[in-house]
Amino acid sequence: MKTKLTLSIDKETIEKSRKIAQNKQQSLSFLIEELLNKEIEKDKEKQLALIGELRGIAGRAPKNTDWKKVIRESAGEKYEK
């Protein structure tokens, strides 16, 4: 289902983006949606990598490991970049 969205973007960026969309014979909305979907996929891949990493260390970790702390620290690293 498509929903309208209002964005505030620099005028020059909009003009350049419209030219790119026109050259590709696509709408600006389509290009923006594509970019957002790529970012969503990157985020999913990072989450899956973190899960794999946690699974890998789970077998080697001490029994008293604070997993909530490990996850918080990993998430903190993600947003500190």
C-alpha atoms as a PDB file:
ATOM      1  CA  MET A   1       0.000   0.000   0.000  1.00  0.00           C
ATOM      2  CA  LYS A   2       1.414   3.366  -1.007  1.00  0.00           C
ATOM      3  CA  THR A   3       1.232   6.300   1.409  1.00  0.00           C
ATOM      4  CA  LYS A   4       2.155   9.923   0.808  1.00  0.00           C
ATOM      5  CA  LEU A   5       5.100  11.375   2.704  1.00  0.00           C
ATOM      6  CA  THR A   6       6.234  14.984   2.955  1.00  0.00           C
ATOM      7  CA  LEU A   7       9.981  15.580   3.185  1.00  0.00           C
ATOM      8  CA  SER A   8      12.089  18.690   3.621  1.00  0.00           C
ATOM      9  CA  ILE A   9      15.082  18.446   1.310  1.00  0.00           C
ATOM     10  CA  ASP A  10      17.528  21.071   0.073  1.00  0.00           C
ATOM     11  CA  LYS A  11      16.310  22.623  -3.198  1.00  0.00           C
ATOM     12  CA  GLU A  12      19.562  21.889  -5.045  1.00  0.00           C
ATOM     13  CA  THR A  13      19.430  18.244  -3.970  1.00  0.00           C
ATOM     14  CA  ILE A  14      15.861  17.965  -5.262  1.00  0.00           C
ATOM     15  CA  GLU A  15      16.798  19.484  -8.617  1.00  0.00           C
ATOM     16  CA  LYS A  16      19.778  17.151  -9.071  1.00  0.00           C
ATOM     17  CA  SER A  17      17.704  14.167  -7.958  1.00  0.00           C
ATOM     18  CA  ARG A  18      14.949  14.987 -10.444  1.00  0.00           C
ATOM     19  CA  LYS A  19      17.524  15.036 -13.269  1.00  0.00           C
ATOM     20  CA  ILE A  20      18.861  11.644 -12.173  1.00  0.00           C
ATOM     21  CA  ALA A  21      15.332  10.237 -12.039  1.00  0.00           C
ATOM     22  CA  GLN A  22      14.537  11.676 -15.454  1.00  0.00           C
ATOM     23  CA  ASN A  23      17.707  10.188 -16.971  1.00  0.00           C
ATOM     24  CA  LYS A  24      16.779   6.794 -15.540  1.00  0.00           C
ATOM     25  CA  GLN A  25      13.175   7.235 -16.706  1.00  0.00           C
ATOM     26  CA  GLN A  26      11.964   6.631 -13.164  1.00  0.00           C
ATOM     27  CA  SER A  27      10.049   8.723 -10.686  1.00  0.00           C
ATOM     28  CA  LEU A  28      11.804  10.475  -7.849  1.00  0.00           C
ATOM     29  CA  SER A  29       9.510   8.622  -5.451  1.00  0.00           C
ATOM     30  CA  PHE A  30      10.686   5.299  -6.885  1.00  0.00           C
ATOM     31  CA  LEU A  31      14.364   6.251  -6.507  1.00  0.00           C
ATOM     32  CA  ILE A  32      13.870   7.347  -2.899  1.00  0.00           C
ATOM     33  CA  GLU A  33      11.932   4.181  -2.102  1.00  0.00           C
ATOM     34  CA  GLU A  34      14.748   2.101  -3.634  1.00  0.00           C
ATOM     35  CA  LEU A  35      17.356   3.882  -1.487  1.00  0.00           C
ATOM     36  CA  LEU A  36      15.293   3.392   1.663  1.00  0.00           C
ATOM     37  CA  ASN A  37      14.787  -0.296   0.891  1.00  0.00           C
ATOM     38  CA  LYS A  38      18.548  -0.722   0.426  1.00  0.00           C
ATOM     39  CA  GLU A  39      19.139   0.849   3.857  1.00  0.00           C
ATOM     40  CA  ILE A  40      16.533  -1.461   5.389  1.00  0.00           C
ATOM     41  CA  GLU A  41      18.291  -4.473   3.855  1.00  0.00           C
ATOM     42  CA  LYS A  42      21.698  -3.292   5.134  1.00  0.00           C
ATOM     43  CA  ASP A  43      20.225  -2.987   8.618  1.00  0.00           C
ATOM     44  CA  LYS A  44      18.743  -6.500   8.409  1.00  0.00           C
ATOM     45  CA  GLU A  45      22.114  -7.880   7.289  1.00  0.00           C
ATOM     46  CA  LYS A  46      23.846  -6.192  10.233  1.00  0.00           C
ATOM     47  CA  GLN A  47      21.288  -7.645  12.626  1.00  0.00           C
ATOM     48  CA  LEU A  48      21.724 -11.123  11.154  1.00  0.00           C
ATOM     49  CA  ALA A  49      25.503 -10.790  11.408  1.00  0.00           C
ATOM     50  CA  LEU A  50      25.165  -9.802  15.064  1.00  0.00           C
ATOM     51  CA  ILE A  51      22.913 -12.792  15.729  1.00  0.00           C
ATOM     52  CA  GLY A  52      25.447 -15.074  14.043  1.00  0.00           C
ATOM     53  CA  GLU A  53      28.236 -13.539  16.080  1.00  0.00           C
ATOM     54  CA  LEU A  54      26.296 -13.999  19.298  1.00  0.00           C
ATOM     55  CA  ARG A  55      25.516 -17.606  18.398  1.00  0.00           C
ATOM     56  CA  GLY A  56      29.195 -18.188  17.719  1.00  0.00           C
ATOM     57  CA  ILE A  57      30.316 -16.876  21.085  1.00  0.00           C
ATOM     58  CA  ALA A  58      27.407 -18.323  23.044  1.00  0.00           C
ATOM     59  CA  GLY A  59      28.990 -21.752  23.130  1.00  0.00           C
ATOM     60  CA  ARG A  60      32.306 -20.372  24.357  1.00  0.00           C
ATOM     61  CA  ALA A  61      30.971 -17.784  26.804  1.00  0.00           C
ATOM     62  CA  PRO A  62      30.953 -18.283  30.566  1.00  0.00           C
ATOM     63  CA  LYS A  63      27.643 -19.485  31.967  1.00  0.00           C
ATOM     64  CA  ASN A  64      27.143 -16.225  33.875  1.00  0.00           C
ATOM     65  CA  THR A  65      27.406 -13.994  30.753  1.00  0.00           C
ATOM     66  CA  ASP A  66      25.084 -10.971  30.866  1.00  0.00           C
ATOM     67  CA  TRP A  67      23.627 -11.272  27.357  1.00  0.00           C
ATOM     68  CA  LYS A  68      21.497  -8.151  27.716  1.00  0.00           C
ATOM     69  CA  LYS A  69      24.687  -6.185  28.384  1.00  0.00           C
ATOM     70  CA  VAL A  70      26.416  -7.740  25.365  1.00  0.00           C
ATOM     71  CA  ILE A  71      23.485  -6.769  23.118  1.00  0.00           C
ATOM     72  CA  ARG A  72      23.300  -3.231  24.550  1.00  0.00           C
ATOM     73  CA  GLU A  73      27.018  -2.718  23.950  1.00  0.00           C
ATOM     74  CA  SER A  74      26.783  -4.052  20.403  1.00  0.00           C
ATOM     75  CA  ALA A  75      23.810  -1.797  19.649  1.00  0.00           C
ATOM     76  CA  GLY A  76      25.701   1.149  21.129  1.00  0.00           C
ATOM     77  CA  GLU A  77      28.600   0.528  18.752  1.00  0.00           C
ATOM     78  CA  LYS A  78      26.152   0.584  15.841  1.00  0.00           C
ATOM     79  CA  TYR A  79      24.832   4.038  16.717  1.00  0.00           C
ATOM     80  CA  GLU A  80      28.167   5.558  17.708  1.00  0.00           C
ATOM     81  CA  LYS A  81      29.451   5.415  14.106  1.00  0.00           C
END
